[in-house]
Amino acid sequence: MKVEFPQFDLVVANIPYGISSPLVAKLVYGGNPFRSATLLLQKEFARRLLAKSGDSEFSRLAVNVKLVTDVEFGHGCKQKGISSLPQSEFLCCNNPTKK
């Protein structure tokens, strides 16, 4: 992802599925330490990011993100009459400078 982020401390965002992986990687490894991020991600991507070793959805991104930050599931988000939106879940990313 070629975009440079300005200095920030908190992130609250609804992330499109197509850029979820590069955006999460950029947030975590972009060199801009932040206090907390709350991201609304498509359910499938959130589950891959939260997968543990041995899970079928465990991925390289999950390993890399967990090395530097604590990631936790927030809660599901219902579509309520919006048929074009995929099912989404909140994901919280705290303590990005894990020691």
N, C-alpha and C. Protein backbone atom coordinates (compact mmCIF):
# COMPACT_ATOMS: atom_id res chain seq x y z
N MET A 1 0.85 -1.16 0.00
CA MET A 1 0.00 0.00 0.00
C MET A 1 0.90 1.23 0.00
N LYS A 2 0.74 2.10 -0.98
CA LYS A 2 1.65 3.23 -1.19
C LYS A 2 1.28 4.49 -0.44
N VAL A 3 0.11 4.53 0.17
CA VAL A 3 -0.36 5.72 0.87
C VAL A 3 0.42 5.91 2.17
N GLU A 4 0.85 7.14 2.43
CA GLU A 4 1.51 7.47 3.69
C GLU A 4 0.45 7.99 4.66
N PHE A 5 0.43 7.43 5.86
CA PHE A 5 -0.53 7.87 6.86
C PHE A 5 0.03 9.06 7.64
N PRO A 6 -0.84 10.01 8.00
CA PRO A 6 -0.39 11.08 8.90
C PRO A 6 -0.23 10.50 10.31
N GLN A 7 0.36 11.27 11.20
CA GLN A 7 0.50 10.85 12.60
C GLN A 7 -0.89 10.71 13.21
N PHE A 8 -1.12 9.63 13.95
CA PHE A 8 -2.42 9.40 14.59
C PHE A 8 -2.21 8.57 15.84
N ASP A 9 -3.22 8.57 16.71
CA ASP A 9 -3.16 7.82 17.96
C ASP A 9 -4.25 6.76 18.04
N LEU A 10 -5.41 7.04 17.45
CA LEU A 10 -6.55 6.12 17.46
C LEU A 10 -7.04 5.89 16.03
N VAL A 11 -7.55 4.68 15.77
CA VAL A 11 -8.11 4.36 14.46
C VAL A 11 -9.49 3.75 14.67
N VAL A 12 -10.48 4.27 13.96
CA VAL A 12 -11.81 3.68 13.89
C VAL A 12 -12.16 3.68 12.41
N ALA A 13 -12.36 2.47 11.83
CA ALA A 13 -12.55 2.41 10.39
C ALA A 13 -13.38 1.21 9.96
N ASN A 14 -14.10 1.38 8.86
CA ASN A 14 -14.83 0.32 8.19
C ASN A 14 -13.99 -0.02 6.97
N ILE A 15 -13.35 -1.18 6.96
CA ILE A 15 -12.37 -1.52 5.94
C ILE A 15 -12.99 -2.40 4.84
N PRO A 16 -12.88 -1.99 3.56
CA PRO A 16 -13.35 -2.84 2.48
C PRO A 16 -12.54 -4.13 2.41
N TYR A 17 -13.19 -5.25 2.10
CA TYR A 17 -12.54 -6.55 2.08
C TYR A 17 -11.31 -6.56 1.17
N GLY A 18 -11.41 -5.92 0.03
CA GLY A 18 -10.34 -5.96 -0.96
C GLY A 18 -9.02 -5.35 -0.52
N ILE A 19 -9.05 -4.47 0.48
CA ILE A 19 -7.80 -3.87 0.96
C ILE A 19 -7.52 -4.20 2.43
N SER A 20 -8.29 -5.13 2.99
CA SER A 20 -8.12 -5.47 4.41
C SER A 20 -6.71 -5.90 4.75
N SER A 21 -6.17 -6.84 4.00
CA SER A 21 -4.85 -7.39 4.31
C SER A 21 -3.74 -6.33 4.21
N PRO A 22 -3.61 -5.61 3.09
CA PRO A 22 -2.54 -4.62 3.03
C PRO A 22 -2.73 -3.47 4.01
N LEU A 23 -3.99 -3.10 4.29
CA LEU A 23 -4.23 -2.00 5.22
C LEU A 23 -3.88 -2.40 6.65
N VAL A 24 -4.27 -3.59 7.08
CA VAL A 24 -3.92 -4.06 8.42
C VAL A 24 -2.40 -4.17 8.56
N ALA A 25 -1.74 -4.71 7.55
CA ALA A 25 -0.28 -4.81 7.59
C ALA A 25 0.36 -3.42 7.69
N LYS A 26 -0.16 -2.47 6.93
CA LYS A 26 0.38 -1.11 6.96
C LYS A 26 0.15 -0.46 8.33
N LEU A 27 -1.03 -0.66 8.90
CA LEU A 27 -1.30 -0.11 10.23
C LEU A 27 -0.33 -0.66 11.27
N VAL A 28 -0.13 -1.97 11.23
CA VAL A 28 0.68 -2.62 12.25
C VAL A 28 2.18 -2.40 12.03
N TYR A 29 2.63 -2.42 10.80
CA TYR A 29 4.06 -2.32 10.51
C TYR A 29 4.48 -1.00 9.88
N GLY A 30 3.56 -0.02 9.83
CA GLY A 30 3.84 1.23 9.14
C GLY A 30 4.77 2.19 9.87
N GLY A 31 5.19 1.86 11.06
CA GLY A 31 6.12 2.72 11.78
C GLY A 31 5.45 3.87 12.50
N ASN A 32 4.12 3.88 12.54
CA ASN A 32 3.39 4.94 13.23
C ASN A 32 2.72 4.31 14.46
N PRO A 33 3.38 4.34 15.62
CA PRO A 33 2.78 3.70 16.80
C PRO A 33 1.46 4.37 17.18
N PHE A 34 0.47 3.55 17.45
CA PHE A 34 -0.83 4.08 17.84
C PHE A 34 -1.32 3.34 19.07
N ARG A 35 -2.25 3.94 19.76
CA ARG A 35 -2.76 3.39 21.02
C ARG A 35 -3.78 2.29 20.79
N SER A 36 -4.70 2.48 19.85
CA SER A 36 -5.77 1.52 19.66
C SER A 36 -6.41 1.68 18.29
N ALA A 37 -6.90 0.55 17.75
CA ALA A 37 -7.62 0.57 16.48
C ALA A 37 -8.87 -0.30 16.63
N THR A 38 -9.98 0.22 16.19
CA THR A 38 -11.23 -0.55 16.13
C THR A 38 -11.63 -0.60 14.67
N LEU A 39 -11.62 -1.80 14.11
CA LEU A 39 -11.86 -1.96 12.68
C LEU A 39 -13.10 -2.81 12.46
N LEU A 40 -13.92 -2.40 11.50
CA LEU A 40 -15.06 -3.20 11.08
C LEU A 40 -14.59 -3.94 9.84
N LEU A 41 -14.46 -5.26 9.97
CA LEU A 41 -13.92 -6.09 8.90
C LEU A 41 -14.94 -7.16 8.50
N GLN A 42 -14.84 -7.62 7.26
CA GLN A 42 -15.71 -8.70 6.83
C GLN A 42 -15.41 -9.94 7.68
N LYS A 43 -16.45 -10.66 8.02
CA LYS A 43 -16.37 -11.79 8.95
C LYS A 43 -15.25 -12.78 8.59
N GLU A 44 -15.15 -13.16 7.33
CA GLU A 44 -14.14 -14.14 6.91
C GLU A 44 -12.72 -13.63 7.19
N PHE A 45 -12.47 -12.35 6.91
CA PHE A 45 -11.14 -11.79 7.15
C PHE A 45 -10.86 -11.71 8.64
N ALA A 46 -11.84 -11.27 9.42
CA ALA A 46 -11.66 -11.16 10.87
C ALA A 46 -11.34 -12.53 11.47
N ARG A 47 -12.02 -13.56 11.01
CA ARG A 47 -11.77 -14.91 11.53
C ARG A 47 -10.36 -15.39 11.17
N ARG A 48 -9.88 -15.05 9.97
CA ARG A 48 -8.51 -15.43 9.60
C ARG A 48 -7.50 -14.69 10.47
N LEU A 49 -7.76 -13.44 10.73
CA LEU A 49 -6.83 -12.64 11.54
C LEU A 49 -6.78 -13.13 12.99
N LEU A 50 -7.89 -13.65 13.49
CA LEU A 50 -7.97 -14.13 14.86
C LEU A 50 -7.62 -15.60 15.02
N ALA A 51 -7.40 -16.31 13.92
CA ALA A 51 -7.14 -17.75 13.97
C ALA A 51 -5.89 -18.05 14.79
N LYS A 52 -5.93 -19.21 15.44
CA LYS A 52 -4.81 -19.66 16.25
C LYS A 52 -4.06 -20.77 15.51
N SER A 53 -2.84 -21.03 15.94
CA SER A 53 -2.04 -22.10 15.36
C SER A 53 -2.83 -23.40 15.37
N GLY A 54 -2.87 -24.08 14.24
CA GLY A 54 -3.61 -25.32 14.12
C GLY A 54 -4.98 -25.15 13.51
N ASP A 55 -5.54 -23.92 13.55
CA ASP A 55 -6.83 -23.66 12.90
C ASP A 55 -6.66 -23.70 11.39
N SER A 56 -7.70 -24.11 10.68
CA SER A 56 -7.63 -24.16 9.22
C SER A 56 -7.48 -22.77 8.60
N GLU A 57 -7.90 -21.72 9.31
CA GLU A 57 -7.84 -20.35 8.79
C GLU A 57 -6.56 -19.61 9.20
N PHE A 58 -5.66 -20.29 9.93
CA PHE A 58 -4.42 -19.67 10.40
C PHE A 58 -3.59 -19.24 9.20
N SER A 59 -3.08 -18.00 9.23
CA SER A 59 -2.36 -17.45 8.08
C SER A 59 -1.09 -16.72 8.51
N ARG A 60 -0.29 -16.40 7.52
CA ARG A 60 0.95 -15.66 7.77
C ARG A 60 0.65 -14.28 8.36
N LEU A 61 -0.40 -13.62 7.86
CA LEU A 61 -0.77 -12.31 8.39
C LEU A 61 -1.14 -12.41 9.87
N ALA A 62 -1.89 -13.44 10.25
CA ALA A 62 -2.27 -13.62 11.65
C ALA A 62 -1.03 -13.77 12.53
N VAL A 63 -0.06 -14.54 12.08
CA VAL A 63 1.18 -14.72 12.83
C VAL A 63 1.90 -13.39 12.99
N ASN A 64 2.07 -12.68 11.88
CA ASN A 64 2.82 -11.42 11.91
C ASN A 64 2.14 -10.36 12.76
N VAL A 65 0.83 -10.24 12.66
CA VAL A 65 0.10 -9.25 13.44
C VAL A 65 0.20 -9.57 14.93
N LYS A 66 0.05 -10.85 15.28
CA LYS A 66 0.09 -11.24 16.69
C LYS A 66 1.49 -11.09 17.30
N LEU A 67 2.50 -11.01 16.48
CA LEU A 67 3.85 -10.79 17.00
C LEU A 67 4.01 -9.39 17.58
N VAL A 68 3.26 -8.43 17.05
CA VAL A 68 3.47 -7.04 17.46
C VAL A 68 2.29 -6.38 18.15
N THR A 69 1.14 -7.03 18.17
CA THR A 69 -0.03 -6.40 18.78
C THR A 69 -0.96 -7.45 19.37
N ASP A 70 -1.81 -7.02 20.25
CA ASP A 70 -2.85 -7.88 20.80
C ASP A 70 -4.13 -7.62 20.01
N VAL A 71 -4.70 -8.67 19.44
CA VAL A 71 -5.90 -8.56 18.63
C VAL A 71 -7.02 -9.29 19.35
N GLU A 72 -8.17 -8.66 19.42
CA GLU A 72 -9.32 -9.31 20.06
C GLU A 72 -10.59 -9.02 19.27
N PHE A 73 -11.52 -9.96 19.36
CA PHE A 73 -12.81 -9.83 18.70
C PHE A 73 -13.70 -8.89 19.50
N GLY A 74 -14.36 -7.96 18.82
CA GLY A 74 -15.30 -7.06 19.48
C GLY A 74 -16.67 -7.69 19.52
N HIS A 75 -17.41 -7.63 18.43
CA HIS A 75 -18.70 -8.30 18.33
C HIS A 75 -19.17 -8.27 16.88
N GLY A 76 -20.16 -9.10 16.57
CA GLY A 76 -20.72 -9.13 15.22
C GLY A 76 -21.58 -7.91 14.96
N CYS A 77 -21.82 -7.65 13.69
CA CYS A 77 -22.61 -6.49 13.28
C CYS A 77 -23.67 -6.99 12.30
N LYS A 78 -24.94 -6.83 12.64
CA LYS A 78 -26.02 -7.31 11.77
C LYS A 78 -26.28 -6.33 10.63
N GLN A 79 -26.71 -6.87 9.50
CA GLN A 79 -26.93 -6.07 8.31
C GLN A 79 -28.21 -5.26 8.36
N LYS A 80 -29.23 -5.71 9.02
CA LYS A 80 -30.51 -5.02 9.19
C LYS A 80 -31.01 -4.33 7.93
N GLY A 81 -31.43 -5.13 6.95
CA GLY A 81 -32.10 -4.58 5.78
C GLY A 81 -31.19 -4.09 4.68
N ILE A 82 -29.89 -4.22 4.81
CA ILE A 82 -28.97 -3.80 3.76
C ILE A 82 -28.43 -5.07 3.12
N SER A 83 -29.05 -5.50 2.04
CA SER A 83 -28.71 -6.80 1.45
C SER A 83 -27.38 -6.80 0.70
N SER A 84 -26.88 -5.64 0.32
CA SER A 84 -25.64 -5.61 -0.47
C SER A 84 -24.39 -5.70 0.40
N LEU A 85 -24.51 -5.54 1.71
CA LEU A 85 -23.33 -5.59 2.58
C LEU A 85 -23.06 -7.00 3.06
N PRO A 86 -21.79 -7.43 3.02
CA PRO A 86 -21.47 -8.74 3.58
C PRO A 86 -21.55 -8.68 5.10
N GLN A 87 -21.70 -9.83 5.74
CA GLN A 87 -21.75 -9.85 7.19
C GLN A 87 -20.38 -9.41 7.73
N SER A 88 -20.39 -8.54 8.72
CA SER A 88 -19.16 -7.97 9.23
C SER A 88 -19.04 -8.20 10.72
N GLU A 89 -17.83 -8.04 11.22
CA GLU A 89 -17.55 -8.14 12.65
C GLU A 89 -16.60 -7.03 13.05
N PHE A 90 -16.74 -6.58 14.29
CA PHE A 90 -15.77 -5.62 14.81
C PHE A 90 -14.54 -6.37 15.28
N LEU A 91 -13.39 -5.78 15.08
CA LEU A 91 -12.14 -6.34 15.56
C LEU A 91 -11.38 -5.23 16.25
N CYS A 92 -10.93 -5.48 17.45
CA CYS A 92 -10.17 -4.47 18.19
C CYS A 92 -8.70 -4.84 18.21
N CYS A 93 -7.85 -3.88 17.96
CA CYS A 93 -6.41 -4.08 17.97
C CYS A 93 -5.84 -3.12 19.00
N ASN A 94 -5.34 -3.65 20.09
CA ASN A 94 -4.83 -2.81 21.17
C ASN A 94 -3.36 -3.08 21.43
N ASN A 95 -2.70 -2.14 22.10
CA ASN A 95 -1.29 -2.29 22.47
C ASN A 95 -0.41 -2.62 21.28
N PRO A 96 -0.40 -1.79 20.24
CA PRO A 96 0.34 -2.13 19.03
C PRO A 96 1.84 -2.22 19.24
N THR A 97 2.36 -1.72 20.34
CA THR A 97 3.79 -1.84 20.59
C THR A 97 4.01 -2.92 21.63
N LYS A 98 3.63 -4.13 21.29
CA LYS A 98 3.74 -5.28 22.19
C LYS A 98 5.19 -5.50 22.58
N LYS A 99 5.40 -5.80 23.82
CA LYS A 99 6.79 -5.99 24.28
C LYS A 99 7.07 -7.43 24.55
